[in-house]
């Protein structure tokens, strides 16, 4: 185990390493493929589809959710509504491709 210096936060370092490991462009394309094929979907629905397609190892929504947020900021997709998640029962955002 590596000792840390005062003021260092190993959680932030681990998060940064994980973020660097993600091929964002590849993940964006996979999400776009999903929305093109399936239409408006929640982050969990996108993750399930990506898992079934073999893009990701599990249907955990956190594979898709951060990328959907980034894609919204870039204008690639947009939130188009809310629905009750069939997996959790919670109210969640529905995303779709941005027109134009």
PDB file of N, CA and C in Angstrom:
ATOM      1  N   UNK A   1       0.838  -1.179   0.000  1.00  0.00           N
ATOM      2  CA  UNK A   1       0.000   0.000   0.000  1.00  0.00           C
ATOM      3  C   UNK A   1       0.883   1.242   0.000  1.00  0.00           C
ATOM      4  N   UNK A   2       0.508   2.171  -0.811  1.00  0.00           N
ATOM      5  CA  UNK A   2       1.266   3.413  -0.943  1.00  0.00           C
ATOM      6  C   UNK A   2       0.732   4.449   0.040  1.00  0.00           C
ATOM      7  N   UNK A   3       1.618   5.065   0.810  1.00  0.00           N
ATOM      8  CA  UNK A   3       1.202   6.107   1.742  1.00  0.00           C
ATOM      9  C   UNK A   3       1.009   7.412   0.989  1.00  0.00           C
ATOM     10  N   UNK A   4       0.026   8.153   1.405  1.00  0.00           N
ATOM     11  CA  UNK A   4      -0.240   9.432   0.742  1.00  0.00           C
ATOM     12  C   UNK A   4       0.326  10.576   1.559  1.00  0.00           C
ATOM     13  N   UNK A   5       0.599  11.654   0.861  1.00  0.00           N
ATOM     14  CA  UNK A   5       1.051  12.859   1.532  1.00  0.00           C
ATOM     15  C   UNK A   5      -0.143  13.657   2.014  1.00  0.00           C
ATOM     16  N   UNK A   6       0.074  14.491   2.999  1.00  0.00           N
ATOM     17  CA  UNK A   6      -0.975  15.331   3.535  1.00  0.00           C
ATOM     18  C   UNK A   6      -1.604  16.156   2.405  1.00  0.00           C
ATOM     19  N   UNK A   7      -2.929  16.158   2.358  1.00  0.00           N
ATOM     20  CA  UNK A   7      -3.643  16.948   1.354  1.00  0.00           C
ATOM     21  C   UNK A   7      -3.981  16.179   0.092  1.00  0.00           C
ATOM     22  N   UNK A   8      -3.392  15.016  -0.107  1.00  0.00           N
ATOM     23  CA  UNK A   8      -3.701  14.216  -1.288  1.00  0.00           C
ATOM     24  C   UNK A   8      -4.977  13.421  -1.035  1.00  0.00           C
ATOM     25  N   UNK A   9      -5.756  13.253  -2.063  1.00  0.00           N
ATOM     26  CA  UNK A   9      -7.001  12.497  -1.940  1.00  0.00           C
ATOM     27  C   UNK A   9      -6.967  11.339  -2.929  1.00  0.00           C
ATOM     28  N   UNK A  10      -6.759  10.129  -2.447  1.00  0.00           N
ATOM     29  CA  UNK A  10      -6.660   8.981  -3.350  1.00  0.00           C
ATOM     30  C   UNK A  10      -7.941   8.730  -4.138  1.00  0.00           C
ATOM     31  N   UNK A  11      -9.080   9.170  -3.615  1.00  0.00           N
ATOM     32  CA  UNK A  11     -10.336   8.991  -4.353  1.00  0.00           C
ATOM     33  C   UNK A  11     -10.340   9.804  -5.631  1.00  0.00           C
ATOM     34  N   UNK A  12      -9.819  11.018  -5.561  1.00  0.00           N
ATOM     35  CA  UNK A  12      -9.767  11.866  -6.751  1.00  0.00           C
ATOM     36  C   UNK A  12      -8.813  11.296  -7.787  1.00  0.00           C
ATOM     37  N   UNK A  13      -7.703  10.745  -7.315  1.00  0.00           N
ATOM     38  CA  UNK A  13      -6.744  10.129  -8.229  1.00  0.00           C
ATOM     39  C   UNK A  13      -7.359   8.911  -8.909  1.00  0.00           C
ATOM     40  N   UNK A  14      -8.081   8.098  -8.161  1.00  0.00           N
ATOM     41  CA  UNK A  14      -8.719   6.910  -8.735  1.00  0.00           C
ATOM     42  C   UNK A  14      -9.779   7.317  -9.754  1.00  0.00           C
ATOM     43  N   UNK A  15     -10.545   8.357  -9.443  1.00  0.00           N
ATOM     44  CA  UNK A  15     -11.570   8.838 -10.365  1.00  0.00           C
ATOM     45  C   UNK A  15     -10.937   9.333 -11.655  1.00  0.00           C
ATOM     46  N   UNK A  16      -9.839  10.071 -11.526  1.00  0.00           N
ATOM     47  CA  UNK A  16      -9.151  10.596 -12.704  1.00  0.00           C
ATOM     48  C   UNK A  16      -8.620   9.462 -13.578  1.00  0.00           C
ATOM     49  N   UNK A  17      -8.045   8.449 -12.954  1.00  0.00           N
ATOM     50  CA  UNK A  17      -7.534   7.304 -13.704  1.00  0.00           C
ATOM     51  C   UNK A  17      -8.669   6.577 -14.433  1.00  0.00           C
ATOM     52  N   UNK A  18      -9.794   6.420 -13.768  1.00  0.00           N
ATOM     53  CA  UNK A  18     -10.941   5.752 -14.391  1.00  0.00           C
ATOM     54  C   UNK A  18     -11.463   6.557 -15.569  1.00  0.00           C
ATOM     55  N   UNK A  19     -11.525   7.878 -15.419  1.00  0.00           N
ATOM     56  CA  UNK A  19     -11.995   8.725 -16.512  1.00  0.00           C
ATOM     57  C   UNK A  19     -11.076   8.658 -17.723  1.00  0.00           C
ATOM     58  N   UNK A  20      -9.781   8.575 -17.474  1.00  0.00           N
ATOM     59  CA  UNK A  20      -8.825   8.490 -18.576  1.00  0.00           C
ATOM     60  C   UNK A  20      -8.931   7.164 -19.319  1.00  0.00           C
ATOM     61  N   UNK A  21      -9.381   6.126 -18.616  1.00  0.00           N
ATOM     62  CA  UNK A  21      -9.460   4.790 -19.213  1.00  0.00           C
ATOM     63  C   UNK A  21     -10.641   4.659 -20.182  1.00  0.00           C
ATOM     64  N   UNK A  22     -11.623   5.558 -20.100  1.00  0.00           N
ATOM     65  CA  UNK A  22     -12.804   5.474 -20.955  1.00  0.00           C
ATOM     66  C   UNK A  22     -12.509   6.086 -22.313  1.00  0.00           C
ATOM     67  N   UNK A  23     -12.794   5.335 -23.376  1.00  0.00           N
ATOM     68  CA  UNK A  23     -12.695   5.863 -24.734  1.00  0.00           C
ATOM     69  C   UNK A  23     -14.012   6.582 -25.019  1.00  0.00           C
ATOM     70  N   UNK A  24     -14.032   7.866 -24.759  1.00  0.00           N
ATOM     71  CA  UNK A  24     -15.280   8.631 -24.846  1.00  0.00           C
ATOM     72  C   UNK A  24     -15.890   8.602 -26.241  1.00  0.00           C
ATOM     73  N   UNK A  25     -15.077   8.783 -27.261  1.00  0.00           N
ATOM     74  CA  UNK A  25     -15.607   8.815 -28.631  1.00  0.00           C
ATOM     75  C   UNK A  25     -16.295   7.497 -28.982  1.00  0.00           C
ATOM     76  N   UNK A  26     -15.690   6.411 -28.561  1.00  0.00           N
ATOM     77  CA  UNK A  26     -16.277   5.090 -28.800  1.00  0.00           C
ATOM     78  C   UNK A  26     -17.602   4.952 -28.055  1.00  0.00           C
ATOM     79  N   UNK A  27     -17.631   5.378 -26.802  1.00  0.00           N
ATOM     80  CA  UNK A  27     -18.847   5.296 -26.006  1.00  0.00           C
ATOM     81  C   UNK A  27     -19.927   6.203 -26.582  1.00  0.00           C
ATOM     82  N   UNK A  28     -19.566   7.411 -27.052  1.00  0.00           N
ATOM     83  CA  UNK A  28     -20.541   8.305 -27.661  1.00  0.00           C
ATOM     84  C   UNK A  28     -21.187   7.626 -28.868  1.00  0.00           C
ATOM     85  N   UNK A  29     -20.377   6.986 -29.703  1.00  0.00           N
ATOM     86  CA  UNK A  29     -20.893   6.319 -30.900  1.00  0.00           C
ATOM     87  C   UNK A  29     -21.853   5.194 -30.515  1.00  0.00           C
ATOM     88  N   UNK A  30     -21.504   4.441 -29.480  1.00  0.00           N
ATOM     89  CA  UNK A  30     -22.370   3.355 -29.030  1.00  0.00           C
ATOM     90  C   UNK A  30     -23.713   3.892 -28.544  1.00  0.00           C
ATOM     91  N   UNK A  31     -23.682   4.985 -27.806  1.00  0.00           N
ATOM     92  CA  UNK A  31     -24.919   5.587 -27.305  1.00  0.00           C
ATOM     93  C   UNK A  31     -25.741   6.139 -28.461  1.00  0.00           C
ATOM     94  N   UNK A  32     -25.082   6.790 -29.400  1.00  0.00           N
ATOM     95  CA  UNK A  32     -25.803   7.302 -30.569  1.00  0.00           C
ATOM     96  C   UNK A  32     -26.447   6.167 -31.353  1.00  0.00           C
ATOM     97  N   UNK A  33     -25.729   5.053 -31.510  1.00  0.00           N
ATOM     98  CA  UNK A  33     -26.290   3.881 -32.190  1.00  0.00           C
ATOM     99  C   UNK A  33     -27.553   3.407 -31.483  1.00  0.00           C
ATOM    100  N   UNK A  34     -27.491   3.370 -30.166  1.00  0.00           N
ATOM    101  CA  UNK A  34     -28.634   2.934 -29.376  1.00  0.00           C
ATOM    102  C   UNK A  34     -29.834   3.844 -29.604  1.00  0.00           C
ATOM    103  N   UNK A  35     -29.616   5.143 -29.501  1.00  0.00           N
ATOM    104  CA  UNK A  35     -30.723   6.083 -29.652  1.00  0.00           C
ATOM    105  C   UNK A  35     -31.254   6.098 -31.086  1.00  0.00           C
ATOM    106  N   UNK A  36     -30.368   5.893 -32.065  1.00  0.00           N
ATOM    107  CA  UNK A  36     -30.824   5.824 -33.461  1.00  0.00           C
ATOM    108  C   UNK A  36     -31.704   4.596 -33.670  1.00  0.00           C
ATOM    109  N   UNK A  37     -31.306   3.479 -33.100  1.00  0.00           N
ATOM    110  CA  UNK A  37     -32.034   2.222 -33.275  1.00  0.00           C
ATOM    111  C   UNK A  37     -33.280   2.132 -32.401  1.00  0.00           C
ATOM    112  N   UNK A  38     -33.172   2.529 -31.136  1.00  0.00           N
ATOM    113  CA  UNK A  38     -34.251   2.338 -30.170  1.00  0.00           C
ATOM    114  C   UNK A  38     -35.133   3.566 -29.961  1.00  0.00           C
ATOM    115  N   UNK A  39     -34.644   4.741 -30.323  1.00  0.00           N
ATOM    116  CA  UNK A  39     -35.404   5.953 -30.048  1.00  0.00           C
ATOM    117  C   UNK A  39     -35.159   6.439 -28.632  1.00  0.00           C
ATOM    118  N   UNK A  40     -36.013   7.328 -28.174  1.00  0.00           N
ATOM    119  CA  UNK A  40     -35.869   7.944 -26.856  1.00  0.00           C
ATOM    120  C   UNK A  40     -35.752   6.869 -25.773  1.00  0.00           C
ATOM    121  N   UNK A  41     -34.753   7.038 -24.888  1.00  0.00           N
ATOM    122  CA  UNK A  41     -34.462   6.026 -23.871  1.00  0.00           C
ATOM    123  C   UNK A  41     -33.903   6.673 -22.615  1.00  0.00           C
ATOM    124  N   UNK A  42     -34.005   5.954 -21.523  1.00  0.00           N
ATOM    125  CA  UNK A  42     -33.385   6.391 -20.271  1.00  0.00           C
ATOM    126  C   UNK A  42     -31.936   5.909 -20.249  1.00  0.00           C
ATOM    127  N   UNK A  43     -31.153   6.422 -19.305  1.00  0.00           N
ATOM    128  CA  UNK A  43     -29.756   5.986 -19.176  1.00  0.00           C
ATOM    129  C   UNK A  43     -29.686   4.484 -18.908  1.00  0.00           C
ATOM    130  N   UNK A  44     -30.577   3.978 -18.080  1.00  0.00           N
ATOM    131  CA  UNK A  44     -30.591   2.542 -17.771  1.00  0.00           C
ATOM    132  C   UNK A  44     -30.947   1.729 -19.014  1.00  0.00           C
ATOM    133  N   UNK A  45     -31.920   2.179 -19.786  1.00  0.00           N
ATOM    134  CA  UNK A  45     -32.280   1.473 -21.012  1.00  0.00           C
ATOM    135  C   UNK A  45     -31.118   1.452 -21.997  1.00  0.00           C
ATOM    136  N   UNK A  46     -30.402   2.563 -22.099  1.00  0.00           N
ATOM    137  CA  UNK A  46     -29.224   2.621 -22.964  1.00  0.00           C
ATOM    138  C   UNK A  46     -28.181   1.623 -22.464  1.00  0.00           C
ATOM    139  N   UNK A  47     -27.949   1.590 -21.159  1.00  0.00           N
ATOM    140  CA  UNK A  47     -26.959   0.676 -20.591  1.00  0.00           C
ATOM    141  C   UNK A  47     -27.348  -0.785 -20.825  1.00  0.00           C
ATOM    142  N   UNK A  48     -28.611  -1.103 -20.680  1.00  0.00           N
ATOM    143  CA  UNK A  48     -29.065  -2.475 -20.916  1.00  0.00           C
ATOM    144  C   UNK A  48     -28.819  -2.855 -22.370  1.00  0.00           C
ATOM    145  N   UNK A  49     -29.179  -1.972 -23.287  1.00  0.00           N
ATOM    146  CA  UNK A  49     -28.968  -2.246 -24.711  1.00  0.00           C
ATOM    147  C   UNK A  49     -27.480  -2.417 -25.017  1.00  0.00           C
ATOM    148  N   UNK A  50     -26.637  -1.553 -24.429  1.00  0.00           N
ATOM    149  CA  UNK A  50     -25.190  -1.647 -24.661  1.00  0.00           C
ATOM    150  C   UNK A  50     -24.640  -2.962 -24.119  1.00  0.00           C
ATOM    151  N   UNK A  51     -25.151  -3.413 -22.986  1.00  0.00           N
ATOM    152  CA  UNK A  51     -24.718  -4.682 -22.405  1.00  0.00           C
ATOM    153  C   UNK A  51     -25.136  -5.843 -23.305  1.00  0.00           C
ATOM    154  N   UNK A  52     -26.373  -5.832 -23.762  1.00  0.00           N
ATOM    155  CA  UNK A  52     -26.863  -6.890 -24.653  1.00  0.00           C
ATOM    156  C   UNK A  52     -26.098  -6.912 -25.979  1.00  0.00           C
ATOM    157  N   UNK A  53     -25.602  -5.754 -26.386  1.00  0.00           N
ATOM    158  CA  UNK A  53     -24.823  -5.656 -27.625  1.00  0.00           C
ATOM    159  C   UNK A  53     -23.355  -6.021 -27.418  1.00  0.00           C
ATOM    160  N   UNK A  54     -22.962  -6.249 -26.163  1.00  0.00           N
ATOM    161  CA  UNK A  54     -21.585  -6.628 -25.869  1.00  0.00           C
ATOM    162  C   UNK A  54     -20.613  -5.469 -25.752  1.00  0.00           C
ATOM    163  N   UNK A  55     -21.125  -4.248 -25.674  1.00  0.00           N
ATOM    164  CA  UNK A  55     -20.262  -3.076 -25.563  1.00  0.00           C
ATOM    165  C   UNK A  55     -19.709  -2.898 -24.152  1.00  0.00           C
ATOM    166  N   UNK A  56     -20.500  -3.273 -23.156  1.00  0.00           N
ATOM    167  CA  UNK A  56     -20.108  -3.101 -21.755  1.00  0.00           C
ATOM    168  C   UNK A  56     -20.372  -4.403 -21.000  1.00  0.00           C
ATOM    169  N   UNK A  57     -19.666  -4.632 -19.898  1.00  0.00           N
ATOM    170  CA  UNK A  57     -19.782  -5.910 -19.190  1.00  0.00           C
ATOM    171  C   UNK A  57     -21.042  -6.093 -18.340  1.00  0.00           C
ATOM    172  N   UNK A  58     -21.689  -4.999 -17.943  1.00  0.00           N
ATOM    173  CA  UNK A  58     -22.914  -5.113 -17.156  1.00  0.00           C
ATOM    174  C   UNK A  58     -23.857  -3.995 -17.555  1.00  0.00           C
ATOM    175  N   UNK A  59     -25.094  -4.106 -17.110  1.00  0.00           N
ATOM    176  CA  UNK A  59     -26.092  -3.103 -17.488  1.00  0.00           C
ATOM    177  C   UNK A  59     -26.165  -1.948 -16.486  1.00  0.00           C
ATOM    178  N   UNK A  60     -25.116  -1.734 -15.731  1.00  0.00           N
ATOM    179  CA  UNK A  60     -25.046  -0.631 -14.770  1.00  0.00           C
ATOM    180  C   UNK A  60     -25.209   0.703 -15.505  1.00  0.00           C
ATOM    181  N   UNK A  61     -26.155   1.518 -15.059  1.00  0.00           N
ATOM    182  CA  UNK A  61     -26.463   2.776 -15.748  1.00  0.00           C
ATOM    183  C   UNK A  61     -25.297   3.755 -15.763  1.00  0.00           C
ATOM    184  N   UNK A  62     -24.357   3.598 -14.844  1.00  0.00           N
ATOM    185  CA  UNK A  62     -23.229   4.523 -14.792  1.00  0.00           C
ATOM    186  C   UNK A  62     -22.268   4.370 -15.969  1.00  0.00           C
ATOM    187  N   UNK A  63     -22.449   3.357 -16.789  1.00  0.00           N
ATOM    188  CA  UNK A  63     -21.687   3.281 -18.033  1.00  0.00           C
ATOM    189  C   UNK A  63     -22.208   4.306 -19.037  1.00  0.00           C
ATOM    190  N   UNK A  64     -23.497   4.604 -18.983  1.00  0.00           N
ATOM    191  CA  UNK A  64     -24.113   5.499 -19.956  1.00  0.00           C
ATOM    192  C   UNK A  64     -24.387   6.896 -19.417  1.00  0.00           C
ATOM    193  N   UNK A  65     -24.777   7.008 -18.172  1.00  0.00           N
ATOM    194  CA  UNK A  65     -25.247   8.275 -17.626  1.00  0.00           C
ATOM    195  C   UNK A  65     -24.247   9.432 -17.726  1.00  0.00           C
ATOM    196  N   UNK A  66     -22.977   9.254 -17.325  1.00  0.00           N
ATOM    197  CA  UNK A  66     -22.049  10.389 -17.438  1.00  0.00           C
ATOM    198  C   UNK A  66     -21.821  10.820 -18.886  1.00  0.00           C
ATOM    199  N   UNK A  67     -21.822   9.837 -19.788  1.00  0.00           N
ATOM    200  CA  UNK A  67     -21.620  10.167 -21.202  1.00  0.00           C
ATOM    201  C   UNK A  67     -22.839  10.897 -21.763  1.00  0.00           C
ATOM    202  N   UNK A  68     -24.040  10.518 -21.331  1.00  0.00           N
ATOM    203  CA  UNK A  68     -25.243  11.217 -21.782  1.00  0.00           C
ATOM    204  C   UNK A  68     -25.219  12.672 -21.316  1.00  0.00           C
ATOM    205  N   UNK A  69     -24.771  12.903 -20.094  1.00  0.00           N
ATOM    206  CA  UNK A  69     -24.652  14.271 -19.587  1.00  0.00           C
ATOM    207  C   UNK A  69     -23.673  15.071 -20.448  1.00  0.00           C
ATOM    208  N   UNK A  70     -22.527  14.476 -20.755  1.00  0.00           N
ATOM    209  CA  UNK A  70     -21.540  15.149 -21.607  1.00  0.00           C
ATOM    210  C   UNK A  70     -22.117  15.413 -22.997  1.00  0.00           C
ATOM    211  N   UNK A  71     -22.833  14.439 -23.531  1.00  0.00           N
ATOM    212  CA  UNK A  71     -23.411  14.581 -24.864  1.00  0.00           C
ATOM    213  C   UNK A  71     -24.490  15.655 -24.899  1.00  0.00           C
ATOM    214  N   UNK A  72     -25.217  15.835 -23.795  1.00  0.00           N
ATOM    215  CA  UNK A  72     -26.191  16.932 -23.697  1.00  0.00           C
ATOM    216  C   UNK A  72     -25.470  18.274 -23.771  1.00  0.00           C
ATOM    217  N   UNK A  73     -24.381  18.383 -23.032  1.00  0.00           N
ATOM    218  CA  UNK A  73     -23.612  19.640 -23.020  1.00  0.00           C
ATOM    219  C   UNK A  73     -23.036  19.955 -24.402  1.00  0.00           C
ATOM    220  N   UNK A  74     -22.727  18.922 -25.179  1.00  0.00           N
ATOM    221  CA  UNK A  74     -22.172  19.110 -26.519  1.00  0.00           C
ATOM    222  C   UNK A  74     -23.259  19.292 -27.583  1.00  0.00           C
ATOM    223  N   UNK A  75     -24.513  19.116 -27.187  1.00  0.00           N
ATOM    224  CA  UNK A  75     -25.607  19.295 -28.128  1.00  0.00           C
ATOM    225  C   UNK A  75     -25.878  18.080 -29.006  1.00  0.00           C
ATOM    226  N   UNK A  76     -25.381  16.925 -28.639  1.00  0.00           N
ATOM    227  CA  UNK A  76     -25.585  15.711 -29.434  1.00  0.00           C
ATOM    228  C   UNK A  76     -26.925  15.047 -29.104  1.00  0.00           C
ATOM    229  N   UNK A  77     -27.298  15.068 -27.844  1.00  0.00           N
ATOM    230  CA  UNK A  77     -28.575  14.515 -27.396  1.00  0.00           C
ATOM    231  C   UNK A  77     -29.241  15.551 -26.497  1.00  0.00           C
ATOM    232  N   UNK A  78     -30.502  15.320 -26.197  1.00  0.00           N
ATOM    233  CA  UNK A  78     -31.203  16.247 -25.315  1.00  0.00           C
ATOM    234  C   UNK A  78     -32.214  15.498 -24.470  1.00  0.00           C
ATOM    235  N   UNK A  79     -32.471  16.003 -23.273  1.00  0.00           N
ATOM    236  CA  UNK A  79     -33.526  15.411 -22.460  1.00  0.00           C
ATOM    237  C   UNK A  79     -34.873  15.783 -23.072  1.00  0.00           C
ATOM    238  N   UNK A  80     -35.742  14.789 -23.252  1.00  0.00           N
ATOM    239  CA  UNK A  80     -37.027  15.052 -23.908  1.00  0.00           C
ATOM    240  C   UNK A  80     -38.217  14.777 -22.991  1.00  0.00           C
ATOM    241  N   UNK A  81     -37.952  14.321 -21.786  1.00  0.00           N
ATOM    242  CA  UNK A  81     -39.050  14.056 -20.869  1.00  0.00           C
ATOM    243  C   UNK A  81     -38.600  13.268 -19.663  1.00  0.00           C
ATOM    244  N   UNK A  82     -39.597  12.821 -18.906  1.00  0.00           N
ATOM    245  CA  UNK A  82     -39.350  12.001 -17.722  1.00  0.00           C
ATOM    246  C   UNK A  82     -40.273  10.795 -17.785  1.00  0.00           C
ATOM    247  N   UNK A  83     -39.851   9.725 -17.117  1.00  0.00           N
ATOM    248  CA  UNK A  83     -40.675   8.527 -17.016  1.00  0.00           C
ATOM    249  C   UNK A  83     -40.314   7.786 -15.742  1.00  0.00           C
ATOM    250  N   UNK A  84     -41.105   6.822 -15.394  1.00  0.00           N
ATOM    251  CA  UNK A  84     -40.806   5.981 -14.236  1.00  0.00           C
ATOM    252  C   UNK A  84     -39.940   4.831 -14.733  1.00  0.00           C
ATOM    253  N   UNK A  85     -38.781   4.645 -14.110  1.00  0.00           N
ATOM    254  CA  UNK A  85     -37.845   3.588 -14.494  1.00  0.00           C
ATOM    255  C   UNK A  85     -38.466   2.227 -14.201  1.00  0.00           C
ATOM    256  N   UNK A  86     -38.433   1.341 -15.184  1.00  0.00           N
ATOM    257  CA  UNK A  86     -38.998   0.005 -14.998  1.00  0.00           C
ATOM    258  C   UNK A  86     -38.128  -0.855 -14.089  1.00  0.00           C
ATOM    259  N   UNK A  87     -36.889  -0.451 -13.864  1.00  0.00           N
ATOM    260  CA  UNK A  87     -35.961  -1.213 -13.026  1.00  0.00           C
ATOM    261  C   UNK A  87     -35.971  -0.759 -11.573  1.00  0.00           C
ATOM    262  N   UNK A  88     -36.057   0.565 -11.355  1.00  0.00           N
ATOM    263  CA  UNK A  88     -35.952   1.097  -9.992  1.00  0.00           C
ATOM    264  C   UNK A  88     -37.245   1.703  -9.468  1.00  0.00           C
ATOM    265  N   UNK A  89     -38.158   2.038 -10.364  1.00  0.00           N
ATOM    266  CA  UNK A  89     -39.397   2.687  -9.957  1.00  0.00           C
ATOM    267  C   UNK A  89     -39.262   4.180  -9.717  1.00  0.00           C
ATOM    268  N   UNK A  90     -38.069   4.722  -9.916  1.00  0.00           N
ATOM    269  CA  UNK A  90     -37.837   6.152  -9.701  1.00  0.00           C
ATOM    270  C   UNK A  90     -38.124   6.934 -10.983  1.00  0.00           C
ATOM    271  N   UNK A  91     -38.408   8.218 -10.821  1.00  0.00           N
ATOM    272  CA  UNK A  91     -38.594   9.090 -11.975  1.00  0.00           C
ATOM    273  C   UNK A  91     -37.224   9.415 -12.568  1.00  0.00           C
ATOM    274  N   UNK A  92     -37.078   9.190 -13.866  1.00  0.00           N
ATOM    275  CA  UNK A  92     -35.787   9.384 -14.532  1.00  0.00           C
ATOM    276  C   UNK A  92     -35.968  10.170 -15.826  1.00  0.00           C
ATOM    277  N   UNK A  93     -34.872  10.694 -16.344  1.00  0.00           N
ATOM    278  CA  UNK A  93     -34.870  11.474 -17.569  1.00  0.00           C
ATOM    279  C   UNK A  93     -34.848  10.554 -18.783  1.00  0.00           C
ATOM    280  N   UNK A  94     -35.554  10.982 -19.810  1.00  0.00           N
ATOM    281  CA  UNK A  94     -35.550  10.299 -21.106  1.00  0.00           C
ATOM    282  C   UNK A  94     -34.730  11.162 -22.066  1.00  0.00           C
ATOM    283  N   UNK A  95     -33.804  10.524 -22.794  1.00  0.00           N
ATOM    284  CA  UNK A  95     -32.934  11.227 -23.736  1.00  0.00           C
ATOM    285  C   UNK A  95     -33.253  10.794 -25.165  1.00  0.00           C
ATOM    286  N   UNK A  96     -33.010  11.702 -26.100  1.00  0.00           N
ATOM    287  CA  UNK A  96     -33.139  11.364 -27.517  1.00  0.00           C
ATOM    288  C   UNK A  96     -32.124  12.187 -28.304  1.00  0.00           C
ATOM    289  N   UNK A  97     -31.952  11.810 -29.557  1.00  0.00           N
ATOM    290  CA  UNK A  97     -31.032  12.535 -30.427  1.00  0.00           C
ATOM    291  C   UNK A  97     -31.535  13.953 -30.610  1.00  0.00           C
ATOM    292  N   UNK A  98     -30.613  14.854 -30.674  1.00  0.00           N
ATOM    293  CA  UNK A  98     -30.985  16.257 -30.883  1.00  0.00           C
ATOM    294  C   UNK A  98     -31.222  16.478 -32.361  1.00  0.00           C
ATOM    295  N   UNK A  99     -32.302  17.110 -32.680  1.00  0.00           N
ATOM    296  CA  UNK A  99     -32.618  17.376 -34.088  1.00  0.00           C
ATOM    297  C   UNK A  99     -31.948  18.659 -34.520  1.00  0.00           C
ATOM    298  N   UNK A 100     -31.514  18.644 -35.774  1.00  0.00           N
ATOM    299  CA  UNK A 100     -30.930  19.859 -36.326  1.00  0.00           C
ATOM    300  C   UNK A 100     -29.519  19.810 -36.562  1.00  0.00           C
TER     301      UNK A 100
END
